[in-house]
Structure formats: structure tokens, C-alpha cells
């Protein structure tokens, strides 16, 4: 991402780090999650229009929100049934 606005660059890096942090408990494993996340962000590397970057950040925030719900559900189920 070669943006003229450094604030957008910092937002992209922040959301990337937050998603990486959440990926530690991903059911398929951290390495699987990290490579897919990297591919997703790298595929948008060429985007330079600030409006498109903002839409990408909004999409990443939505993914983070949905992932938080599913990870919470996964943790609960794992906690209940791993005891047996």
C-alpha cells in the first residue's frame, strides 16, 4: 500500500496486527490463519485510492467483529467438550 495518507497506513497496520492476534486461537492453527491473512492483505497492496482503502479497513473491521463471535463460540464448545 503506497498511500499519501500515513494515517490510513497506520490504520491498516493496526487492523492487520489485531487480526493476527485474534488468529492465535483459530481452529485450523495460527500458521494457516497467518498465511491466509497475509495473502488477503497482499492482494490489496496495489490499492492507492483513499476511499478504497477506507472501504477495505471497514471490511476488515467487519471480519474482526464476526471472527470475534465465532472464536468465542469455538472456545466455549472446546471448553465444554475437551474435558471428555
C-alpha atoms as a PDB file:
ATOM      1  CA  UNK A   1       0.000   0.000   0.000  1.00  0.00           C
ATOM      2  CA  UNK A   2       1.608   3.224  -1.133  1.00  0.00           C
ATOM      3  CA  UNK A   3      -0.713   5.836   0.289  1.00  0.00           C
ATOM      4  CA  UNK A   4      -0.186   9.554   0.561  1.00  0.00           C
ATOM      5  CA  UNK A   5      -2.046   9.492   3.865  1.00  0.00           C
ATOM      6  CA  UNK A   6       0.092   7.996   6.662  1.00  0.00           C
ATOM      7  CA  UNK A   7      -2.929   7.798   8.991  1.00  0.00           C
ATOM      8  CA  UNK A   8      -4.542   5.246   6.683  1.00  0.00           C
ATOM      9  CA  UNK A   9      -1.342   3.241   6.593  1.00  0.00           C
ATOM     10  CA  UNK A  10      -1.289   3.118  10.395  1.00  0.00           C
ATOM     11  CA  UNK A  11      -4.933   2.005  10.446  1.00  0.00           C
ATOM     12  CA  UNK A  12      -4.197  -0.816   8.015  1.00  0.00           C
ATOM     13  CA  UNK A  13      -1.210  -1.969  10.057  1.00  0.00           C
ATOM     14  CA  UNK A  14      -3.258  -1.765  13.278  1.00  0.00           C
ATOM     15  CA  UNK A  15      -6.122  -3.883  11.915  1.00  0.00           C
ATOM     16  CA  UNK A  16      -3.625  -6.385  10.478  1.00  0.00           C
ATOM     17  CA  UNK A  17      -1.963  -6.772  13.880  1.00  0.00           C
ATOM     18  CA  UNK A  18      -5.318  -7.110  15.639  1.00  0.00           C
ATOM     19  CA  UNK A  19      -6.413  -9.837  13.249  1.00  0.00           C
ATOM     20  CA  UNK A  20      -3.073 -11.622  13.674  1.00  0.00           C
ATOM     21  CA  UNK A  21      -3.539 -11.521  17.435  1.00  0.00           C
ATOM     22  CA  UNK A  22      -7.021 -12.991  17.113  1.00  0.00           C
ATOM     23  CA  UNK A  23      -5.682 -15.728  14.854  1.00  0.00           C
ATOM     24  CA  UNK A  24      -3.737 -17.337  17.683  1.00  0.00           C
ATOM     25  CA  UNK A  25      -6.831 -19.325  18.642  1.00  0.00           C
ATOM     26  CA  UNK A  26      -8.047 -20.058  15.117  1.00  0.00           C
ATOM     27  CA  UNK A  27      -9.291 -23.679  14.876  1.00  0.00           C
ATOM     28  CA  UNK A  28      -7.068 -24.599  11.904  1.00  0.00           C
ATOM     29  CA  UNK A  29      -3.967 -23.225  13.586  1.00  0.00           C
ATOM     30  CA  UNK A  30      -2.091 -19.964  13.660  1.00  0.00           C
ATOM     31  CA  UNK A  31       0.152 -20.715  10.666  1.00  0.00           C
ATOM     32  CA  UNK A  32      -2.861 -21.443   8.469  1.00  0.00           C
ATOM     33  CA  UNK A  33      -4.559 -18.234   9.569  1.00  0.00           C
ATOM     34  CA  UNK A  34      -1.446 -16.101   9.212  1.00  0.00           C
ATOM     35  CA  UNK A  35      -0.734 -17.185   5.638  1.00  0.00           C
ATOM     36  CA  UNK A  36      -4.339 -16.589   4.564  1.00  0.00           C
ATOM     37  CA  UNK A  37      -4.419 -13.187   6.266  1.00  0.00           C
ATOM     38  CA  UNK A  38      -1.145 -12.204   4.621  1.00  0.00           C
ATOM     39  CA  UNK A  39      -2.467 -13.248   1.196  1.00  0.00           C
ATOM     40  CA  UNK A  40      -5.656 -11.246   1.740  1.00  0.00           C
ATOM     41  CA  UNK A  41      -3.764  -8.087   2.652  1.00  0.00           C
ATOM     42  CA  UNK A  42      -1.106  -8.589  -0.024  1.00  0.00           C
ATOM     43  CA  UNK A  43      -3.777  -8.912  -2.705  1.00  0.00           C
ATOM     44  CA  UNK A  44      -4.894  -5.357  -1.880  1.00  0.00           C
ATOM     45  CA  UNK A  45      -1.370  -3.951  -1.807  1.00  0.00           C
ATOM     46  CA  UNK A  46      -1.803  -2.152  -5.142  1.00  0.00           C
ATOM     47  CA  UNK A  47      -4.783  -0.062  -3.916  1.00  0.00           C
ATOM     48  CA  UNK A  48      -3.861   3.622  -3.639  1.00  0.00           C
ATOM     49  CA  UNK A  49      -7.262   5.331  -3.703  1.00  0.00           C
ATOM     50  CA  UNK A  50      -8.034   6.557  -0.176  1.00  0.00           C
ATOM     51  CA  UNK A  51     -11.748   5.738  -0.467  1.00  0.00           C
ATOM     52  CA  UNK A  52     -10.987   2.138  -1.462  1.00  0.00           C
ATOM     53  CA  UNK A  53      -8.526   1.850   1.420  1.00  0.00           C
ATOM     54  CA  UNK A  54     -11.196   3.091   3.841  1.00  0.00           C
ATOM     55  CA  UNK A  55     -13.670   0.531   2.471  1.00  0.00           C
ATOM     56  CA  UNK A  56     -11.039  -2.180   2.935  1.00  0.00           C
ATOM     57  CA  UNK A  57     -10.496  -1.086   6.542  1.00  0.00           C
ATOM     58  CA  UNK A  58     -14.270  -1.206   7.146  1.00  0.00           C
ATOM     59  CA  UNK A  59     -14.397  -4.693   5.641  1.00  0.00           C
ATOM     60  CA  UNK A  60     -11.523  -5.803   7.885  1.00  0.00           C
ATOM     61  CA  UNK A  61     -13.306  -4.365  10.938  1.00  0.00           C
ATOM     62  CA  UNK A  62     -16.420  -6.348   9.981  1.00  0.00           C
ATOM     63  CA  UNK A  63     -14.363  -9.530   9.606  1.00  0.00           C
ATOM     64  CA  UNK A  64     -12.822  -8.864  13.010  1.00  0.00           C
ATOM     65  CA  UNK A  65     -16.267  -8.467  14.585  1.00  0.00           C
ATOM     66  CA  UNK A  66     -17.628 -11.652  13.007  1.00  0.00           C
ATOM     67  CA  UNK A  67     -14.458 -13.585  13.837  1.00  0.00           C
ATOM     68  CA  UNK A  68     -14.668 -12.500  17.456  1.00  0.00           C
ATOM     69  CA  UNK A  69     -18.153 -14.030  17.667  1.00  0.00           C
ATOM     70  CA  UNK A  70     -17.123 -17.323  16.063  1.00  0.00           C
ATOM     71  CA  UNK A  71     -13.937 -17.611  18.109  1.00  0.00           C
ATOM     72  CA  UNK A  72     -15.917 -17.069  21.305  1.00  0.00           C
ATOM     73  CA  UNK A  73     -18.317 -19.795  20.240  1.00  0.00           C
ATOM     74  CA  UNK A  74     -15.449 -22.115  19.304  1.00  0.00           C
ATOM     75  CA  UNK A  75     -13.701 -21.548  22.636  1.00  0.00           C
ATOM     76  CA  UNK A  76     -16.910 -22.284  24.545  1.00  0.00           C
ATOM     77  CA  UNK A  77     -17.554 -25.515  22.670  1.00  0.00           C
ATOM     78  CA  UNK A  78     -13.947 -26.599  23.002  1.00  0.00           C
ATOM     79  CA  UNK A  79     -14.027 -25.880  26.728  1.00  0.00           C
ATOM     80  CA  UNK A  80     -17.225 -27.924  27.168  1.00  0.00           C
ATOM     81  CA  UNK A  81     -16.266 -30.975  25.157  1.00  0.00           C
ATOM     82  CA  UNK A  82     -12.493 -31.274  25.523  1.00  0.00           C
ATOM     83  CA  UNK A  83     -12.951 -32.438  29.090  1.00  0.00           C
ATOM     84  CA  UNK A  84     -14.311 -35.795  27.965  1.00  0.00           C
END
